[in-house]
PDB file of N, CA and C in Angstrom:
ATOM      1  N   MET A   1     110.261  96.341 121.182  1.00  0.00           N
ATOM      2  CA  MET A   1     109.650  95.855 120.073  1.00  0.00           C
ATOM      3  C   MET A   1     108.258  95.259 120.370  1.00  0.00           C
ATOM      4  N   SER A   2     107.520  95.770 119.313  1.00  0.00           N
ATOM      5  CA  SER A   2     106.239  95.125 119.401  1.00  0.00           C
ATOM      6  C   SER A   2     106.042  94.362 118.010  1.00  0.00           C
ATOM      7  N   GLY A   3     105.251  92.653 118.602  1.00  0.00           N
ATOM      8  CA  GLY A   3     104.866  92.000 117.456  1.00  0.00           C
ATOM      9  C   GLY A   3     104.317  92.407 116.469  1.00  0.00           C
ATOM     10  N   VAL A   4     104.124  91.035 115.664  1.00  0.00           N
ATOM     11  CA  VAL A   4     103.438  91.031 114.136  1.00  0.00           C
ATOM     12  C   VAL A   4     101.789  90.823 114.661  1.00  0.00           C
ATOM     13  N   ARG A   5     101.073  91.561 114.196  1.00  0.00           N
ATOM     14  CA  ARG A   5      99.518  91.758 114.720  1.00  0.00           C
ATOM     15  C   ARG A   5      98.832  91.370 113.317  1.00  0.00           C
ATOM     16  N   LEU A   6      99.013  89.658 112.970  1.00  0.00           N
ATOM     17  CA  LEU A   6      98.062  88.983 111.844  1.00  0.00           C
ATOM     18  C   LEU A   6      96.730  89.444 112.279  1.00  0.00           C
ATOM     19  N   ASN A   7      96.389  90.882 111.750  1.00  0.00           N
ATOM     20  CA  ASN A   7      94.347  90.964 112.169  1.00  0.00           C
ATOM     21  C   ASN A   7      93.691  91.471 111.151  1.00  0.00           C
ATOM     22  N   ARG A   8      94.247  90.900 109.920  1.00  0.00           N
ATOM     23  CA  ARG A   8      93.564  91.530 108.962  1.00  0.00           C
ATOM     24  C   ARG A   8      93.035  89.946 107.883  1.00  0.00           C
ATOM     25  N   ARG A   9      92.132  89.831 107.900  1.00  0.00           N
ATOM     26  CA  ARG A   9      91.498  88.395 107.321  1.00  0.00           C
ATOM     27  C   ARG A   9      91.386  88.776 105.391  1.00  0.00           C
ATOM     28  N   LEU A  10      92.115  87.938 105.036  1.00  0.00           N
ATOM     29  CA  LEU A  10      92.162  88.199 103.318  1.00  0.00           C
ATOM     30  C   LEU A  10      92.475  86.310 102.670  1.00  0.00           C
ATOM     31  N   VAL A  11      91.559  86.893 101.833  1.00  0.00           N
ATOM     32  CA  VAL A  11      91.472  85.455 100.905  1.00  0.00           C
ATOM     33  C   VAL A  11      92.166  85.710 100.027  1.00  0.00           C
ATOM     34  N   LEU A  12      93.371  84.653  99.515  1.00  0.00           N
ATOM     35  CA  LEU A  12      93.820  84.697  98.504  1.00  0.00           C
ATOM     36  C   LEU A  12      93.223  83.960  97.390  1.00  0.00           C
ATOM     37  N   GLU A  13      93.174  84.807  95.931  1.00  0.00           N
ATOM     38  CA  GLU A  13      92.723  84.317  95.129  1.00  0.00           C
ATOM     39  C   GLU A  13      93.626  83.971  94.410  1.00  0.00           C
ATOM     40  N   ARG A  14      93.643  83.406  93.269  1.00  0.00           N
ATOM     41  CA  ARG A  14      94.749  82.952  91.860  1.00  0.00           C
ATOM     42  C   ARG A  14      93.991  82.925  90.783  1.00  0.00           C
ATOM     43  N   GLU A  15      94.034  83.666  89.607  1.00  0.00           N
ATOM     44  CA  GLU A  15      93.677  83.267  88.455  1.00  0.00           C
ATOM     45  C   GLU A  15      93.709  82.000  87.604  1.00  0.00           C
ATOM     46  N   SER A  16      92.667  81.666  86.849  1.00  0.00           N
ATOM     47  CA  SER A  16      92.480  80.134  86.636  1.00  0.00           C
ATOM     48  C   SER A  16      91.557  80.484  85.368  1.00  0.00           C
ATOM     49  N   ALA A  17      91.887  79.643  84.019  1.00  0.00           N
ATOM     50  CA  ALA A  17      90.810  79.565  82.874  1.00  0.00           C
ATOM     51  C   ALA A  17      89.787  78.488  83.490  1.00  0.00           C
ATOM     52  N   MET A  18      89.078  79.174  82.803  1.00  0.00           N
ATOM     53  CA  MET A  18      87.625  78.227  82.767  1.00  0.00           C
ATOM     54  C   MET A  18      86.947  78.248  81.382  1.00  0.00           C
ATOM     55  N   PRO A  19      86.675  76.822  80.953  1.00  0.00           N
ATOM     56  CA  PRO A  19      86.209  76.330  79.842  1.00  0.00           C
ATOM     57  C   PRO A  19      84.932  77.665  79.682  1.00  0.00           C
ATOM     58  N   ASP A  20      84.233  78.313  78.585  1.00  0.00           N
ATOM     59  CA  ASP A  20      83.559  79.188  78.318  1.00  0.00           C
ATOM     60  C   ASP A  20      82.474  78.488  77.996  1.00  0.00           C
ATOM     61  N   GLY A  21      82.367  77.314  77.444  1.00  0.00           N
ATOM     62  CA  GLY A  21      81.226  76.841  76.823  1.00  0.00           C
ATOM     63  C   GLY A  21      81.273  76.961  75.084  1.00  0.00           C
ATOM     64  N   ALA A  22      82.020  76.882  74.632  1.00  0.00           N
ATOM     65  CA  ALA A  22      82.075  77.200  73.189  1.00  0.00           C
ATOM     66  C   ALA A  22      83.586  77.121  72.490  1.00  0.00           C
ATOM     67  N   GLY A  23      84.133  76.543  73.264  1.00  0.00           N
ATOM     68  CA  GLY A  23      85.439  75.740  72.866  1.00  0.00           C
ATOM     69  C   GLY A  23      86.708  76.525  73.545  1.00  0.00           C
ATOM     70  N   GLY A  24      86.523  77.781  73.949  1.00  0.00           N
ATOM     71  CA  GLY A  24      87.525  78.844  74.601  1.00  0.00           C
ATOM     72  C   GLY A  24      87.375  78.760  76.260  1.00  0.00           C
ATOM     73  N   ARG A  25      88.119  79.747  76.243  1.00  0.00           N
ATOM     74  CA  ARG A  25      88.477  79.710  77.966  1.00  0.00           C
ATOM     75  C   ARG A  25      88.001  81.244  78.448  1.00  0.00           C
ATOM     76  N   ASN A  26      87.869  81.289  79.217  1.00  0.00           N
ATOM     77  CA  ASN A  26      87.638  83.125  80.019  1.00  0.00           C
ATOM     78  C   ASN A  26      88.429  82.308  81.670  1.00  0.00           C
ATOM     79  N   ALA A  27      89.050  83.704  82.137  1.00  0.00           N
ATOM     80  CA  ALA A  27      89.658  83.869  83.365  1.00  0.00           C
ATOM     81  C   ALA A  27      88.690  84.214  84.593  1.00  0.00           C
ATOM     82  N   ALA A  28      89.078  83.478  85.529  1.00  0.00           N
ATOM     83  CA  ALA A  28      88.567  83.596  86.387  1.00  0.00           C
ATOM     84  C   ALA A  28      89.046  83.321  88.109  1.00  0.00           C
ATOM     85  N   TRP A  29      88.565  83.791  88.784  1.00  0.00           N
ATOM     86  CA  TRP A  29      89.268  84.016  89.929  1.00  0.00           C
ATOM     87  C   TRP A  29      88.526  82.766  90.837  1.00  0.00           C
ATOM     88  N   ALA A  30      89.940  82.000  91.345  1.00  0.00           N
ATOM     89  CA  ALA A  30      89.717  80.985  92.170  1.00  0.00           C
ATOM     90  C   ALA A  30      90.077  81.203  93.733  1.00  0.00           C
ATOM     91  N   ALA A  31      89.314  81.099  94.749  1.00  0.00           N
ATOM     92  CA  ALA A  31      89.559  81.161  96.213  1.00  0.00           C
ATOM     93  C   ALA A  31      90.593  80.215  96.500  1.00  0.00           C
ATOM     94  N   LEU A  32      91.887  80.201  96.908  1.00  0.00           N
ATOM     95  CA  LEU A  32      92.680  79.158  97.824  1.00  0.00           C
ATOM     96  C   LEU A  32      92.490  79.235  99.183  1.00  0.00           C
ATOM     97  N   GLY A  33      92.350  80.369  99.476  1.00  0.00           N
ATOM     98  CA  GLY A  33      92.444  79.793 100.687  1.00  0.00           C
ATOM     99  C   GLY A  33      91.971  80.829 101.814  1.00  0.00           C
ATOM    100  N   THR A  34      92.116  81.453 102.832  1.00  0.00           N
ATOM    101  CA  THR A  34      92.199  82.496 104.104  1.00  0.00           C
ATOM    102  C   THR A  34      93.219  82.616 105.042  1.00  0.00           C
ATOM    103  N   ILE A  35      93.687  83.744 104.621  1.00  0.00           N
ATOM    104  CA  ILE A  35      95.046  83.914 105.159  1.00  0.00           C
ATOM    105  C   ILE A  35      94.919  85.235 106.163  1.00  0.00           C
ATOM    106  N   TRP A  36      95.401  85.228 107.089  1.00  0.00           N
ATOM    107  CA  TRP A  36      95.399  86.603 108.322  1.00  0.00           C
ATOM    108  C   TRP A  36      96.711  87.132 108.139  1.00  0.00           C
ATOM    109  N   GLY A  37      96.923  88.498 107.573  1.00  0.00           N
ATOM    110  CA  GLY A  37      98.126  89.407 107.270  1.00  0.00           C
ATOM    111  C   GLY A  37      97.794  90.852 108.397  1.00  0.00           C
ATOM    112  N   GLU A  38      98.850  91.241 108.255  1.00  0.00           N
ATOM    113  CA  GLU A  38      99.026  92.937 108.804  1.00  0.00           C
ATOM    114  C   GLU A  38      99.360  93.592 107.812  1.00  0.00           C
ATOM    115  N   MET A  39      98.533  94.402 107.468  1.00  0.00           N
ATOM    116  CA  MET A  39      98.359  95.425 106.219  1.00  0.00           C
ATOM    117  C   MET A  39      99.022  96.650 106.803  1.00  0.00           C
ATOM    118  N   THR A  40      99.952  97.442 105.871  1.00  0.00           N
ATOM    119  CA  THR A  40     100.275  99.052 106.334  1.00  0.00           C
ATOM    120  C   THR A  40     100.149 100.150 105.176  1.00  0.00           C
ATOM    121  N   PRO A  41      99.541 100.859 104.840  1.00  0.00           N
ATOM    122  CA  PRO A  41      99.743 101.376 104.304  1.00  0.00           C
ATOM    123  C   PRO A  41     100.787 102.266 103.576  1.00  0.00           C
ATOM    124  N   ARG A  42     101.083 102.340 102.254  1.00  0.00           N
ATOM    125  CA  ARG A  42     101.662 103.096 101.581  1.00  0.00           C
ATOM    126  C   ARG A  42     101.816 104.290 100.705  1.00  0.00           C
ATOM    127  N   SER A  43     102.611 104.532  99.767  1.00  0.00           N
ATOM    128  CA  SER A  43     101.875 105.554  99.126  1.00  0.00           C
ATOM    129  C   SER A  43     101.271 105.470  98.192  1.00  0.00           C
ATOM    130  N   GLY A  44     100.051 106.137  97.015  1.00  0.00           N
ATOM    131  CA  GLY A  44      99.363 106.052  96.385  1.00  0.00           C
ATOM    132  C   GLY A  44      99.644 107.214  95.090  1.00  0.00           C
ATOM    133  N   ARG A  45      98.829 107.189  94.490  1.00  0.00           N
ATOM    134  CA  ARG A  45      99.302 108.044  92.944  1.00  0.00           C
ATOM    135  C   ARG A  45      97.675 107.710  92.207  1.00  0.00           C
ATOM    136  N   GLU A  46      97.478 108.388  91.015  1.00  0.00           N
ATOM    137  CA  GLU A  46      96.141 108.743  89.991  1.00  0.00           C
ATOM    138  C   GLU A  46      97.222 108.268  88.910  1.00  0.00           C
ATOM    139  N   ALA A  47      96.411 107.343  88.169  1.00  0.00           N
ATOM    140  CA  ALA A  47      96.546 106.551  86.495  1.00  0.00           C
ATOM    141  C   ALA A  47      95.452 107.222  85.797  1.00  0.00           C
ATOM    142  N   ASN A  48      96.185 107.118  84.558  1.00  0.00           N
ATOM    143  CA  ASN A  48      95.029 107.443  83.650  1.00  0.00           C
ATOM    144  C   ASN A  48      94.636 105.870  82.787  1.00  0.00           C
ATOM    145  N   ILE A  49      93.817 105.964  82.583  1.00  0.00           N
ATOM    146  CA  ILE A  49      93.399 104.183  81.963  1.00  0.00           C
ATOM    147  C   ILE A  49      91.925 105.002  80.564  1.00  0.00           C
ATOM    148  N   ASP A  50      92.049 104.096  80.204  1.00  0.00           N
ATOM    149  CA  ASP A  50      90.833 104.302  78.971  1.00  0.00           C
ATOM    150  C   ASP A  50      89.520 104.916  79.310  1.00  0.00           C
ATOM    151  N   ALA A  51      88.994 104.024  80.632  1.00  0.00           N
ATOM    152  CA  ALA A  51      88.062 104.293  81.374  1.00  0.00           C
ATOM    153  C   ALA A  51      88.103 105.889  82.176  1.00  0.00           C
ATOM    154  N   GLY A  52      89.048 106.374  82.074  1.00  0.00           N
ATOM    155  CA  GLY A  52      89.495 107.488  83.048  1.00  0.00           C
ATOM    156  C   GLY A  52      90.537 107.390  83.894  1.00  0.00           C
ATOM    157  N   THR A  53      90.349 108.310  84.819  1.00  0.00           N
ATOM    158  CA  THR A  53      91.008 108.510  85.938  1.00  0.00           C
ATOM    159  C   THR A  53      90.897 107.574  87.200  1.00  0.00           C
ATOM    160  N   VAL A  54      91.670 106.978  87.854  1.00  0.00           N
ATOM    161  CA  VAL A  54      91.215 105.990  88.860  1.00  0.00           C
ATOM    162  C   VAL A  54      92.954 106.145  89.524  1.00  0.00           C
ATOM    163  N   ALA A  55      92.415 105.686  91.060  1.00  0.00           N
ATOM    164  CA  ALA A  55      93.505 106.043  92.323  1.00  0.00           C
ATOM    165  C   ALA A  55      93.990 104.810  92.317  1.00  0.00           C
ATOM    166  N   ARG A  56      95.440 104.403  92.401  1.00  0.00           N
ATOM    167  CA  ARG A  56      95.695 103.254  92.933  1.00  0.00           C
ATOM    168  C   ARG A  56      96.791 103.626  94.061  1.00  0.00           C
ATOM    169  N   ALA A  57      96.311 102.572  95.345  1.00  0.00           N
ATOM    170  CA  ALA A  57      96.886 102.839  96.726  1.00  0.00           C
ATOM    171  C   ALA A  57      98.271 101.433  97.082  1.00  0.00           C
ATOM    172  N   GLY A  58      98.968 101.652  97.357  1.00  0.00           N
ATOM    173  CA  GLY A  58      99.692 100.917  97.725  1.00  0.00           C
ATOM    174  C   GLY A  58      99.913 100.190  99.338  1.00  0.00           C
ATOM    175  N   TYR A  59     100.018  98.950  99.424  1.00  0.00           N
ATOM    176  CA  TYR A  59     100.260  98.426 100.741  1.00  0.00           C
ATOM    177  C   TYR A  59     101.013  97.844 100.925  1.00  0.00           C
ATOM    178  N   ARG A  60     101.729  97.337 102.422  1.00  0.00           N
ATOM    179  CA  ARG A  60     102.583  96.170 102.470  1.00  0.00           C
ATOM    180  C   ARG A  60     101.853  94.852 103.318  1.00  0.00           C
ATOM    181  N   VAL A  61     101.646  94.265 103.179  1.00  0.00           N
ATOM    182  CA  VAL A  61     101.198  92.856 103.694  1.00  0.00           C
ATOM    183  C   VAL A  61     102.104  92.247 104.521  1.00  0.00           C
ATOM    184  N   LYS A  62     101.900  91.731 105.500  1.00  0.00           N
ATOM    185  CA  LYS A  62     102.889  90.312 106.100  1.00  0.00           C
ATOM    186  C   LYS A  62     102.232  89.442 106.706  1.00  0.00           C
ATOM    187  N   LEU A  63     102.383  88.017 106.254  1.00  0.00           N
ATOM    188  CA  LEU A  63     101.965  87.285 106.661  1.00  0.00           C
ATOM    189  C   LEU A  63     102.867  86.039 106.860  1.00  0.00           C
ATOM    190  N   ARG A  64     102.341  85.085 107.870  1.00  0.00           N
ATOM    191  CA  ARG A  64     103.189  83.782 108.118  1.00  0.00           C
ATOM    192  C   ARG A  64     103.537  83.210 106.979  1.00  0.00           C
ATOM    193  N   ALA A  65     105.161  83.121 106.952  1.00  0.00           N
ATOM    194  CA  ALA A  65     105.231  82.250 105.417  1.00  0.00           C
ATOM    195  C   ALA A  65     104.991  81.038 105.073  1.00  0.00           C
ATOM    196  N   GLN A  66     104.797  80.820 104.041  1.00  0.00           N
ATOM    197  CA  GLN A  66     104.748  79.161 103.365  1.00  0.00           C
ATOM    198  C   GLN A  66     105.977  78.382 102.760  1.00  0.00           C
ATOM    199  N   PRO A  67     106.003  77.519 102.406  1.00  0.00           N
ATOM    200  CA  PRO A  67     107.168  76.978 101.797  1.00  0.00           C
ATOM    201  C   PRO A  67     107.211  77.383 100.681  1.00  0.00           C
ATOM    202  N   GLN A  68     108.205  77.443  99.664  1.00  0.00           N
ATOM    203  CA  GLN A  68     108.746  77.410  98.300  1.00  0.00           C
ATOM    204  C   GLN A  68     107.371  76.361  97.551  1.00  0.00           C
ATOM    205  N   GLY A  69     106.750  76.490  96.645  1.00  0.00           N
ATOM    206  CA  GLY A  69     106.097  75.643  96.046  1.00  0.00           C
ATOM    207  C   GLY A  69     104.771  75.292  96.461  1.00  0.00           C
ATOM    208  N   HIS A  70     104.493  75.668  97.697  1.00  0.00           N
ATOM    209  CA  HIS A  70     102.851  75.352  98.454  1.00  0.00           C
ATOM    210  C   HIS A  70     102.254  75.990  97.466  1.00  0.00           C
ATOM    211  N   GLU A  71     101.265  75.432  97.507  1.00  0.00           N
ATOM    212  CA  GLU A  71      99.864  76.175  96.942  1.00  0.00           C
ATOM    213  C   GLU A  71      99.124  77.168  97.378  1.00  0.00           C
ATOM    214  N   GLY A  72      99.579  77.589  98.905  1.00  0.00           N
ATOM    215  CA  GLY A  72      98.944  78.593  99.758  1.00  0.00           C
ATOM    216  C   GLY A  72      99.993  79.521  99.968  1.00  0.00           C
ATOM    217  N   ARG A  73     101.618  79.775  99.024  1.00  0.00           N
ATOM    218  CA  ARG A  73     102.401  80.623  99.037  1.00  0.00           C
ATOM    219  C   ARG A  73     101.192  81.646  98.159  1.00  0.00           C
ATOM    220  N   PRO A  74     101.423  83.363  98.540  1.00  0.00           N
ATOM    221  CA  PRO A  74     101.284  83.733  97.531  1.00  0.00           C
ATOM    222  C   PRO A  74     102.074  83.669  96.807  1.00  0.00           C
ATOM    223  N   ARG A  75     102.137  84.923  95.290  1.00  0.00           N
ATOM    224  CA  ARG A  75     102.844  84.398  94.218  1.00  0.00           C
ATOM    225  C   ARG A  75     102.309  86.069  93.425  1.00  0.00           C
ATOM    226  N   PRO A  76     103.196  86.459  93.186  1.00  0.00           N
ATOM    227  CA  PRO A  76     102.857  87.877  92.099  1.00  0.00           C
ATOM    228  C   PRO A  76     101.678  87.649  91.065  1.00  0.00           C
ATOM    229  N   GLY A  77     100.982  88.185  91.058  1.00  0.00           N
ATOM    230  CA  GLY A  77      99.919  88.015  89.829  1.00  0.00           C
ATOM    231  C   GLY A  77      98.388  87.239  90.806  1.00  0.00           C
ATOM    232  N   ASP A  78      99.113  86.813  92.106  1.00  0.00           N
ATOM    233  CA  ASP A  78      97.616  86.198  92.667  1.00  0.00           C
ATOM    234  C   ASP A  78      96.970  87.689  93.614  1.00  0.00           C
ATOM    235  N   ARG A  79      96.015  87.520  94.080  1.00  0.00           N
ATOM    236  CA  ARG A  79      95.417  88.975  94.655  1.00  0.00           C
ATOM    237  C   ARG A  79      95.050  88.154  96.080  1.00  0.00           C
ATOM    238  N   PHE A  80      94.331  89.491  96.797  1.00  0.00           N
ATOM    239  CA  PHE A  80      94.276  89.128  98.144  1.00  0.00           C
ATOM    240  C   PHE A  80      92.582  89.935  97.761  1.00  0.00           C
ATOM    241  N   ARG A  81      91.697  89.424  98.578  1.00  0.00           N
ATOM    242  CA  ARG A  81      90.176  90.131  98.702  1.00  0.00           C
ATOM    243  C   ARG A  81      90.138  90.168 100.210  1.00  0.00           C
ATOM    244  N   SER A  82      89.385  91.106 100.550  1.00  0.00           N
ATOM    245  CA  SER A  82      89.003  91.740 101.675  1.00  0.00           C
ATOM    246  C   SER A  82      87.322  92.341 101.486  1.00  0.00           C
ATOM    247  N   GLY A  83      86.729  91.503 101.839  1.00  0.00           N
ATOM    248  CA  GLY A  83      85.201  91.935 101.331  1.00  0.00           C
ATOM    249  C   GLY A  83      84.983  92.391  99.635  1.00  0.00           C
ATOM    250  N   THR A  84      84.352  93.152  99.720  1.00  0.00           N
ATOM    251  CA  THR A  84      84.632  93.615  98.631  1.00  0.00           C
ATOM    252  C   THR A  84      85.959  94.515  97.687  1.00  0.00           C
ATOM    253  N   ARG A  85      87.103  94.227  98.884  1.00  0.00           N
ATOM    254  CA  ARG A  85      88.135  95.305  98.563  1.00  0.00           C
ATOM    255  C   ARG A  85      88.800  94.441  97.670  1.00  0.00           C
ATOM    256  N   VAL A  86      90.022  94.547  96.904  1.00  0.00           N
ATOM    257  CA  VAL A  86      90.603  93.761  95.939  1.00  0.00           C
ATOM    258  C   VAL A  86      91.991  94.349  95.893  1.00  0.00           C
ATOM    259  N   PHE A  87      93.221  93.437  96.534  1.00  0.00           N
ATOM    260  CA  PHE A  87      94.421  94.080  95.943  1.00  0.00           C
ATOM    261  C   PHE A  87      95.371  93.174  95.356  1.00  0.00           C
ATOM    262  N   ASP A  88      95.971  93.712  94.573  1.00  0.00           N
ATOM    263  CA  ASP A  88      96.753  92.519  93.468  1.00  0.00           C
ATOM    264  C   ASP A  88      98.081  92.752  94.073  1.00  0.00           C
ATOM    265  N   ILE A  89      99.040  91.671  94.022  1.00  0.00           N
ATOM    266  CA  ILE A  89      99.767  91.158  94.676  1.00  0.00           C
ATOM    267  C   ILE A  89     100.697  91.311  93.604  1.00  0.00           C
ATOM    268  N   LEU A  90     101.800  92.597  93.716  1.00  0.00           N
ATOM    269  CA  LEU A  90     102.981  92.735  93.059  1.00  0.00           C
ATOM    270  C   LEU A  90     104.471  92.143  93.019  1.00  0.00           C
ATOM    271  N   SER A  91     104.657  91.607  94.181  1.00  0.00           N
ATOM    272  CA  SER A  91     106.120  91.302  94.969  1.00  0.00           C
ATOM    273  C   SER A  91     105.364  90.412  95.818  1.00  0.00           C
ATOM    274  N   VAL A  92     106.296  89.572  96.261  1.00  0.00           N
ATOM    275  CA  VAL A  92     106.311  88.467  97.317  1.00  0.00           C
ATOM    276  C   VAL A  92     107.796  88.332  97.532  1.00  0.00           C
ATOM    277  N   GLN A  93     108.404  88.524  99.095  1.00  0.00           N
ATOM    278  CA  GLN A  93     109.507  88.213  99.304  1.00  0.00           C
ATOM    279  C   GLN A  93     109.435  88.161 100.846  1.00  0.00           C
ATOM    280  N   GLU A  94     111.043  86.985 100.984  1.00  0.00           N
ATOM    281  CA  GLU A  94     110.437  86.319 102.827  1.00  0.00           C
ATOM    282  C   GLU A  94     111.303  87.385 103.278  1.00  0.00           C
ATOM    283  N   GLU A  95     110.961  87.631 104.487  1.00  0.00           N
ATOM    284  CA  GLU A  95     111.389  88.457 105.636  1.00  0.00           C
ATOM    285  C   GLU A  95     112.634  87.786 106.348  1.00  0.00           C
ATOM    286  N   GLY A  96     113.700  88.421 106.419  1.00  0.00           N
ATOM    287  CA  GLY A  96     114.928  87.785 107.573  1.00  0.00           C
ATOM    288  C   GLY A  96     115.556  86.882 107.041  1.00  0.00           C
ATOM    289  N   PRO A  97     116.624  86.505 107.783  1.00  0.00           N
ATOM    290  CA  PRO A  97     117.098  85.313 107.530  1.00  0.00           C
ATOM    291  C   PRO A  97     116.065  84.012 107.941  1.00  0.00           C
ATOM    292  N   ALA A  98     115.852  84.295 108.617  1.00  0.00           N
ATOM    293  CA  ALA A  98     114.706  82.890 109.677  1.00  0.00           C
ATOM    294  C   ALA A  98     113.778  82.548 108.433  1.00  0.00           C
ATOM    295  N   ALA A  99     113.277  83.559 107.561  1.00  0.00           N
ATOM    296  CA  ALA A  99     112.004  83.394 106.915  1.00  0.00           C
ATOM    297  C   ALA A  99     110.817  83.250 107.113  1.00  0.00           C
ATOM    298  N   ARG A 100     110.407  83.421 108.214  1.00  0.00           N
ATOM    299  CA  ARG A 100     108.971  83.551 109.280  1.00  0.00           C
ATOM    300  C   ARG A 100     108.356  84.131 108.522  1.00  0.00           C
ATOM    301  N   HIS A 101     108.117  84.923 107.843  1.00  0.00           N
ATOM    302  CA  HIS A 101     107.194  85.643 107.634  1.00  0.00           C
ATOM    303  C   HIS A 101     107.333  86.240 105.830  1.00  0.00           C
ATOM    304  N   LEU A 102     106.640  86.227 105.269  1.00  0.00           N
ATOM    305  CA  LEU A 102     106.248  86.997 103.989  1.00  0.00           C
ATOM    306  C   LEU A 102     105.867  88.211 103.772  1.00  0.00           C
ATOM    307  N   ILE A 103     106.578  89.451 102.804  1.00  0.00           N
ATOM    308  CA  ILE A 103     105.997  90.494 102.811  1.00  0.00           C
ATOM    309  C   ILE A 103     105.620  90.612 101.529  1.00  0.00           C
ATOM    310  N   CYS A 104     104.296  91.090 101.238  1.00  0.00           N
ATOM    311  CA  CYS A 104     103.838  91.146  99.939  1.00  0.00           C
ATOM    312  C   CYS A 104     103.480  92.573 100.133  1.00  0.00           C
ATOM    313  N   ASN A 105     104.045  93.238  98.472  1.00  0.00           N
ATOM    314  CA  ASN A 105     103.846  94.630  98.182  1.00  0.00           C
ATOM    315  C   ASN A 105     102.288  94.642  96.899  1.00  0.00           C
ATOM    316  N   VAL A 106     101.244  95.439  97.569  1.00  0.00           N
ATOM    317  CA  VAL A 106      99.883  94.996  96.875  1.00  0.00           C
ATOM    318  C   VAL A 106      99.540  96.584  96.861  1.00  0.00           C
ATOM    319  N   GLU A 107      98.757  96.220  95.543  1.00  0.00           N
ATOM    320  CA  GLU A 107      98.351  97.423  95.025  1.00  0.00           C
ATOM    321  C   GLU A 107      96.655  97.521  95.539  1.00  0.00           C
ATOM    322  N   GLU A 108      95.931  98.457  95.495  1.00  0.00           N
ATOM    323  CA  GLU A 108      94.286  98.594  95.243  1.00  0.00           C
ATOM    324  C   GLU A 108      93.811  99.635  94.117  1.00  0.00           C
ATOM    325  N   GLU A 109      93.023  99.015  93.124  1.00  0.00           N
ATOM    326  CA  GLU A 109      92.679 100.306  92.469  1.00  0.00           C
ATOM    327  C   GLU A 109      91.075 100.791  92.938  1.00  0.00           C
ATOM    328  N   VAL A 110      90.963 101.946  93.331  1.00  0.00           N
ATOM    329  CA  VAL A 110      89.870 102.531  93.624  1.00  0.00           C
ATOM    330  C   VAL A 110      89.259 103.396  92.137  1.00  0.00           C
ATOM    331  N   THR A 111      88.415 103.622  92.107  1.00  0.00           N
ATOM    332  CA  THR A 111      87.800 104.091  91.127  1.00  0.00           C
ATOM    333  C   THR A 111      86.782 105.039  91.763  1.00  0.00           C
ATOM    334  N   PRO A 112      86.378 106.387  90.995  1.00  0.00           N
ATOM    335  CA  PRO A 112      85.562 107.284  91.998  1.00  0.00           C
ATOM    336  C   PRO A 112      84.041 106.727  91.680  1.00  0.00           C
TER     337      PRO A 112
END
């Protein structure tokens, strides 16, 4: 049985509202820290949006678990960044009864 290879450097980002200077707020992404994970490709698909067709590629990311409520624990709606690539986090679950790892199902949007 092979061990987990946490060899992909990912930056965890969370959306936050920032003042826009005119009394309103703009959405901005704030980096929460660096996480090392193991990425496994999943299926991909095409999606039609207003701007045209985009490809959406799914991945499974395994990483060391953080306790519930910890600021560094990923949650749905957050995202991972790896260089210029962005992966939207769709779901987060604990792996196995010992919950030593988290499994994040993520999706990357690729435009032609």
